[in-house]
Amino acid sequence: MDRTRLYRNGVLEAEGFPIEDVSDHIGDPSVVVWFDLCSPSPADLEKISEELGLHRLAVEDALHSDQRPKLDTYDSHLFITVYGAKLVRKRLELTEISIFVTKNALVTVRESPHFDIDGVIRRWDANGEMARYGVPYLLHGLLDYVVDGYFDVLQVIDDKVEALEDDLFEDNDADRVHIQRQTYEMRKSLVRFRRLAVPIREVVGSLLRKGVEMLDPALTPYYQDLYDHALRASEWTDSLRELVGNVREAHINQQGFRLNDIMKKITSWAAIIAVPTMITGYYGQNVPYPGFGQPLGFWTSTAAILVASSILYLIFKKRGWL
């Protein structure tokens, strides 16, 4: 459902009114309008474009999904693309959000209803007195909510990485398969996540650089704090990618060490088995030898097998090969 709000002189005056009424208010400089479109049709965006004077290229970007996070500047407005992120059943779910920023209007276009726009509204209402700063404040609340969502995702992934590190040295074949699958899935999710976490830092940085012309000085600390959060999310993402890579590398090394242990055991047992084979082969000759045809020969060969095999076993055991 499309959402609308109207602020007059920093006070919430109306909400839930038809989007068609926006054109009746947009010309009043004391009014700030926000409206949200979820999966709009090209005709819906075209109508909004005519009312707000939106650039054709920005409208095209809003209609076509899979845009990279960015900030584009046009004569009459800014166009921003960001992604909301959350984990659903251990899978990363992304929702593209296109944002049109004009002097007294903020338009959000969501790709799907999976992004919780009500959470953004609650954040705006939590500091309702800040609404007097107009569109820049509403934009800050939206971006701040998006970035905080990144921290929720990263915290879950961080906990999973710690759990993998704990399972890494468990001597269990099922755990080893689990580690392989989890490291692959987490690395894949982090690669996707990094593509949206790093660019949003540049988006906020660009807004800060435009602060002289669009931000009230009172809002600058808020945007600086938002930039710091975006930077932390980016660095945390890189750190987790490195940790997952380390877990994967350690797991591969463990497999190599385990294979070496297996080869040592096979080689050691082969050496032990070779001794009886050699002795029985010697005593199986068809030529006379000391003890040939006598009980002494049997007991001598048996004693030699037992003594030599025991000595080899103790030597390999002491070296940790068995």
Protein backbone atom coordinates (compact mmCIF):
# COMPACT_ATOMS: atom_id res chain seq x y z
CA MET A 1 0.00 0.00 0.00
CA ASP A 2 1.27 3.46 -0.89
CA ARG A 3 2.12 5.62 2.14
CA THR A 4 1.96 9.42 2.36
CA ARG A 5 2.82 12.08 4.93
CA LEU A 6 2.66 15.87 5.01
CA TYR A 7 4.63 18.08 7.40
CA ARG A 8 3.89 21.80 7.70
CA ASN A 9 6.50 23.92 9.46
CA GLY A 10 8.00 20.76 10.98
CA VAL A 11 4.70 19.43 12.35
CA LEU A 12 3.00 16.31 11.03
CA GLU A 13 -0.29 17.57 9.62
CA ALA A 14 -1.66 14.71 7.52
CA GLU A 15 -0.90 11.18 6.44
CA GLY A 16 -2.53 8.47 4.38
CA PHE A 17 -3.90 10.93 1.83
CA PRO A 18 -4.03 9.99 -1.88
CA ILE A 19 -0.84 10.51 -3.84
CA GLU A 20 -2.88 12.47 -6.37
CA ASP A 21 -3.20 15.25 -3.75
CA VAL A 22 0.57 15.75 -3.56
CA SER A 23 0.51 18.26 -6.39
CA ASP A 24 -1.86 20.43 -4.33
CA HIS A 25 0.75 20.84 -1.58
CA ILE A 26 4.11 20.64 -3.31
CA GLY A 27 4.13 24.32 -4.24
CA ASP A 28 3.91 25.50 -0.62
CA PRO A 29 7.46 26.18 0.71
CA SER A 30 6.32 25.54 4.30
CA VAL A 31 5.27 22.00 3.41
CA VAL A 32 7.37 18.84 3.26
CA VAL A 33 5.81 15.80 1.62
CA TRP A 34 6.88 12.17 1.77
CA PHE A 35 5.26 9.38 -0.13
CA ASP A 36 6.23 5.79 -0.71
CA LEU A 37 5.56 3.64 -3.77
CA CYS A 38 5.83 -0.14 -3.60
CA SER A 39 6.43 -1.89 -6.94
CA PRO A 40 4.93 0.97 -8.98
CA SER A 41 4.05 0.70 -12.64
CA PRO A 42 5.83 2.85 -15.27
CA ALA A 43 2.63 4.91 -15.58
CA ASP A 44 2.64 5.66 -11.84
CA LEU A 45 6.24 6.86 -11.93
CA GLU A 46 5.65 8.86 -15.08
CA LYS A 47 2.86 10.76 -13.38
CA ILE A 48 5.03 11.50 -10.34
CA SER A 49 7.86 12.51 -12.62
CA GLU A 50 5.71 15.15 -14.29
CA GLU A 51 4.54 16.59 -10.97
CA LEU A 52 7.99 16.78 -9.37
CA GLY A 53 10.07 17.41 -12.48
CA LEU A 54 12.14 14.24 -12.11
CA HIS A 55 14.81 13.46 -14.67
CA ARG A 56 14.01 10.75 -17.20
CA LEU A 57 17.22 8.81 -16.48
CA ALA A 58 16.49 8.71 -12.75
CA VAL A 59 12.99 7.40 -13.42
CA GLU A 60 14.43 4.69 -15.68
CA ASP A 61 16.86 3.63 -12.96
CA ALA A 62 14.00 3.39 -10.47
CA LEU A 63 12.07 1.12 -12.85
CA HIS A 64 15.00 -1.19 -13.60
CA SER A 65 16.20 -3.35 -10.71
CA ASP A 66 19.74 -4.40 -9.81
CA GLN A 67 21.13 -0.87 -9.76
CA ARG A 68 24.30 -0.38 -7.77
CA PRO A 69 24.08 1.79 -4.61
CA LYS A 70 24.78 5.33 -5.80
CA LEU A 71 23.94 9.02 -5.64
CA ASP A 72 23.18 10.92 -8.85
CA THR A 73 22.79 14.69 -8.94
CA TYR A 74 20.33 16.40 -11.29
CA ASP A 75 19.33 20.03 -11.60
CA SER A 76 16.14 19.78 -9.56
CA HIS A 77 16.72 16.76 -7.37
CA LEU A 78 18.99 13.99 -6.13
CA PHE A 79 18.52 10.33 -6.96
CA ILE A 80 19.80 7.72 -4.49
CA THR A 81 19.76 3.93 -4.70
CA VAL A 82 20.31 1.85 -1.57
CA TYR A 83 19.42 -1.69 -0.48
CA GLY A 84 17.66 -2.89 2.63
CA ALA A 85 19.11 -6.15 3.91
CA LYS A 86 17.97 -8.89 6.27
CA LEU A 87 18.55 -12.59 6.81
CA VAL A 88 15.58 -14.84 6.10
CA ARG A 89 16.11 -18.52 6.95
CA LYS A 90 19.88 -18.04 6.88
CA ARG A 91 19.73 -16.45 3.40
CA LEU A 92 20.49 -12.82 2.63
CA GLU A 93 17.44 -10.99 1.30
CA LEU A 94 17.96 -7.61 -0.39
CA THR A 95 15.34 -5.01 -1.26
CA GLU A 96 16.23 -2.22 -3.67
CA ILE A 97 15.07 1.25 -2.63
CA SER A 98 15.14 4.21 -5.01
CA ILE A 99 14.96 7.66 -3.41
CA PHE A 100 14.11 10.96 -5.07
CA VAL A 101 15.12 14.00 -3.03
CA THR A 102 13.73 17.41 -3.94
CA LYS A 103 13.63 20.65 -1.98
CA ASN A 104 10.41 19.80 -0.15
CA ALA A 105 9.57 16.24 -1.18
CA LEU A 106 11.02 12.81 -0.45
CA VAL A 107 9.88 9.92 -2.63
CA THR A 108 10.80 6.31 -1.86
CA VAL A 109 10.28 3.57 -4.40
CA ARG A 110 10.56 0.05 -3.02
CA GLU A 111 11.18 -2.96 -5.20
CA SER A 112 9.08 -5.20 -2.94
CA PRO A 113 7.19 -5.01 0.38
CA HIS A 114 9.95 -6.93 2.20
CA PHE A 115 11.57 -3.71 3.40
CA ASP A 116 9.89 -2.55 6.64
CA ILE A 117 8.91 1.03 5.83
CA ASP A 118 6.97 1.19 9.12
CA GLY A 119 10.29 0.92 10.94
CA VAL A 120 11.46 4.07 9.15
CA ILE A 121 8.28 5.90 10.17
CA ARG A 122 8.79 4.89 13.79
CA ARG A 123 12.31 6.28 13.65
CA TRP A 124 11.03 9.59 12.29
CA ASP A 125 8.37 9.78 15.00
CA ALA A 126 10.87 8.98 17.75
CA ASN A 127 12.48 12.40 17.10
CA GLY A 128 9.49 14.28 15.77
CA GLU A 129 10.88 17.68 16.76
CA MET A 130 13.67 17.19 14.21
CA ALA A 131 11.14 17.24 11.39
CA ARG A 132 11.55 20.99 11.26
CA TYR A 133 14.72 20.38 9.27
CA GLY A 134 12.59 19.02 6.45
CA VAL A 135 13.66 16.59 3.74
CA PRO A 136 17.31 16.20 4.91
CA TYR A 137 16.08 14.91 8.27
CA LEU A 138 13.67 12.43 6.66
CA LEU A 139 16.46 11.24 4.37
CA HIS A 140 18.80 10.79 7.33
CA GLY A 141 16.22 8.70 9.21
CA LEU A 142 15.72 6.46 6.18
CA LEU A 143 19.44 5.92 5.52
CA ASP A 144 20.16 5.44 9.22
CA TYR A 145 17.50 2.72 9.40
CA VAL A 146 19.00 1.00 6.35
CA VAL A 147 22.54 1.05 7.79
CA ASP A 148 21.34 -0.19 11.19
CA GLY A 149 19.79 -3.12 9.34
CA TYR A 150 23.25 -3.92 8.01
CA PHE A 151 24.55 -4.23 11.57
CA ASP A 152 21.77 -6.68 12.42
CA VAL A 153 22.80 -8.86 9.46
CA LEU A 154 26.50 -8.61 10.25
CA GLN A 155 25.94 -9.53 13.90
CA VAL A 156 24.17 -12.74 12.90
CA ILE A 157 26.95 -13.62 10.45
CA ASP A 158 29.58 -12.80 13.08
CA ASP A 159 27.92 -15.21 15.53
CA LYS A 160 27.90 -17.90 12.85
CA VAL A 161 31.60 -17.38 12.16
CA GLU A 162 32.37 -17.75 15.87
CA ALA A 163 30.34 -20.96 15.98
CA LEU A 164 32.29 -22.27 12.97
CA GLU A 165 35.57 -21.45 14.70
CA ASP A 166 34.40 -23.48 17.72
CA ASP A 167 33.42 -26.41 15.47
CA LEU A 168 36.63 -26.25 13.47
CA PHE A 169 38.60 -28.59 15.73
CA GLU A 170 35.77 -31.00 16.48
CA ASP A 171 36.75 -34.51 15.38
CA ASN A 172 33.51 -35.27 13.59
CA ASP A 173 33.00 -36.04 9.91
CA ALA A 174 29.51 -34.49 9.94
CA ASP A 175 30.95 -31.27 11.40
CA ARG A 176 33.57 -31.13 8.66
CA VAL A 177 30.86 -31.31 5.99
CA HIS A 178 28.88 -28.66 7.88
CA ILE A 179 31.91 -26.35 7.98
CA GLN A 180 32.48 -26.71 4.25
CA ARG A 181 28.86 -25.86 3.43
CA GLN A 182 28.59 -22.97 5.91
CA THR A 183 31.84 -21.30 4.88
CA TYR A 184 30.80 -21.41 1.24
CA GLU A 185 27.35 -19.96 1.94
CA MET A 186 28.66 -17.23 4.25
CA ARG A 187 31.41 -16.22 1.87
CA LYS A 188 28.85 -15.98 -0.94
CA SER A 189 26.53 -13.85 1.24
CA LEU A 190 29.37 -11.57 2.32
CA VAL A 191 30.44 -10.98 -1.28
CA ARG A 192 26.88 -9.87 -2.11
CA PHE A 193 26.63 -7.84 1.07
CA ARG A 194 29.90 -6.02 0.45
CA ARG A 195 28.61 -4.76 -2.90
CA LEU A 196 26.01 -2.71 -1.08
CA ALA A 197 27.77 -1.94 2.23
CA VAL A 198 30.84 -0.28 0.70
CA PRO A 199 29.06 2.03 -1.81
CA ILE A 200 26.64 3.42 0.78
CA ARG A 201 29.64 4.89 2.55
CA GLU A 202 30.34 6.89 -0.60
CA VAL A 203 26.68 7.90 -0.84
CA VAL A 204 26.70 9.37 2.67
CA GLY A 205 30.10 10.94 2.05
CA SER A 206 28.73 12.69 -1.04
CA LEU A 207 25.78 14.00 0.96
CA LEU A 208 28.19 15.40 3.53
CA ARG A 209 30.21 17.13 0.83
CA LYS A 210 26.97 18.70 -0.40
CA GLY A 211 26.18 19.80 3.15
CA VAL A 212 26.79 23.47 2.50
CA GLU A 213 23.98 23.63 -0.04
CA MET A 214 21.44 21.13 1.34
CA LEU A 215 22.08 20.44 5.04
CA ASP A 216 21.29 22.62 8.01
CA PRO A 217 24.43 22.88 10.20
CA ALA A 218 22.46 21.22 13.00
CA LEU A 219 22.12 18.07 10.85
CA THR A 220 25.79 17.79 9.94
CA PRO A 221 26.73 15.82 13.11
CA TYR A 222 23.91 13.39 12.36
CA TYR A 223 25.20 12.75 8.86
CA GLN A 224 28.76 12.45 10.18
CA ASP A 225 27.53 9.82 12.64
CA LEU A 226 25.71 8.06 9.78
CA TYR A 227 28.93 8.10 7.75
CA ASP A 228 30.79 6.57 10.70
CA HIS A 229 28.18 3.79 10.92
CA ALA A 230 28.44 3.12 7.18
CA LEU A 231 32.24 2.99 7.49
CA ARG A 232 32.02 0.54 10.40
CA ALA A 233 29.61 -1.67 8.45
CA SER A 234 32.02 -1.69 5.50
CA GLU A 235 35.04 -2.52 7.68
CA TRP A 236 33.09 -5.19 9.59
CA THR A 237 32.10 -6.79 6.28
CA ASP A 238 35.73 -6.93 5.14
CA SER A 239 36.78 -8.32 8.53
CA LEU A 240 34.18 -11.09 8.36
CA ARG A 241 35.20 -11.96 4.81
CA GLU A 242 38.77 -12.36 6.03
CA LEU A 243 37.65 -14.46 9.01
CA VAL A 244 35.58 -16.75 6.81
CA GLY A 245 38.55 -17.08 4.47
CA ASN A 246 40.76 -17.97 7.45
CA VAL A 247 38.26 -20.61 8.63
CA ARG A 248 38.14 -22.09 5.14
CA GLU A 249 41.95 -22.10 4.87
CA ALA A 250 42.33 -23.65 8.33
CA HIS A 251 39.77 -26.31 7.39
CA ILE A 252 41.69 -27.14 4.21
CA ASN A 253 44.94 -27.33 6.21
CA GLN A 254 43.24 -29.63 8.70
CA GLN A 255 42.23 -31.92 5.88
CA GLY A 256 45.85 -31.96 4.70
CA PHE A 257 47.11 -32.75 8.22
CA ARG A 258 44.49 -35.45 8.61
CA LEU A 259 45.54 -36.99 5.29
CA ASN A 260 49.18 -36.97 6.43
CA ASP A 261 48.19 -38.78 9.64
CA ILE A 262 46.31 -41.38 7.64
CA MET A 263 49.27 -41.92 5.33
CA LYS A 264 51.58 -42.29 8.34
CA LYS A 265 49.30 -44.93 9.85
CA ILE A 266 48.99 -46.84 6.59
CA THR A 267 52.77 -46.73 6.05
CA SER A 268 53.47 -47.83 9.63
CA TRP A 269 51.10 -50.79 9.49
CA ALA A 270 52.48 -51.74 6.09
CA ALA A 271 55.99 -51.77 7.59
CA ILE A 272 54.84 -53.92 10.51
CA ILE A 273 53.08 -56.38 8.19
CA ALA A 274 56.16 -56.53 5.96
CA VAL A 275 58.26 -58.01 8.77
CA PRO A 276 56.22 -61.24 9.19
CA THR A 277 56.03 -61.49 5.41
CA MET A 278 59.81 -61.27 5.17
CA ILE A 279 60.45 -63.77 7.97
CA THR A 280 57.89 -66.31 6.81
CA GLY A 281 59.21 -65.91 3.28
CA TYR A 282 62.75 -66.62 4.53
CA TYR A 283 61.65 -69.71 6.44
CA GLY A 284 59.61 -70.84 3.50
CA GLN A 285 62.73 -71.48 1.39
CA ASN A 286 63.15 -74.94 -0.09
CA VAL A 287 66.80 -75.10 1.03
CA PRO A 288 68.24 -76.13 4.38
CA TYR A 289 68.70 -73.36 6.99
CA PRO A 290 69.35 -73.39 10.76
CA GLY A 291 66.38 -75.21 12.32
CA PHE A 292 65.14 -76.58 8.97
CA GLY A 293 62.65 -79.41 9.52
CA GLN A 294 62.86 -78.98 13.31
CA PRO A 295 60.49 -77.39 15.91
CA LEU A 296 63.29 -74.95 16.74
CA GLY A 297 62.89 -73.33 13.33
CA PHE A 298 59.18 -72.67 13.91
CA TRP A 299 59.70 -71.14 17.35
CA THR A 300 62.61 -69.05 16.10
CA SER A 301 60.58 -67.59 13.23
CA THR A 302 57.57 -66.92 15.48
CA ALA A 303 59.75 -65.19 18.08
CA ALA A 304 61.44 -63.09 15.37
CA ILE A 305 58.03 -62.00 14.02
CA LEU A 306 56.74 -61.00 17.44
CA VAL A 307 59.89 -59.20 18.55
CA ALA A 308 60.46 -57.31 15.28
CA SER A 309 56.77 -56.33 14.93
CA SER A 310 56.63 -55.16 18.57
CA ILE A 311 59.77 -53.07 18.17
CA LEU A 312 58.39 -51.39 15.02
CA TYR A 313 55.03 -50.77 16.70
CA LEU A 314 56.65 -49.11 19.71
CA ILE A 315 58.89 -46.97 17.49
CA PHE A 316 55.94 -45.73 15.34
CA LYS A 317 53.77 -45.20 18.41
CA LYS A 318 56.44 -43.10 20.07
CA ARG A 319 56.68 -40.90 16.97
CA GLY A 320 52.91 -40.48 16.88
CA TRP A 321 52.41 -42.30 13.62
CA LEU A 322 49.98 -44.79 15.16
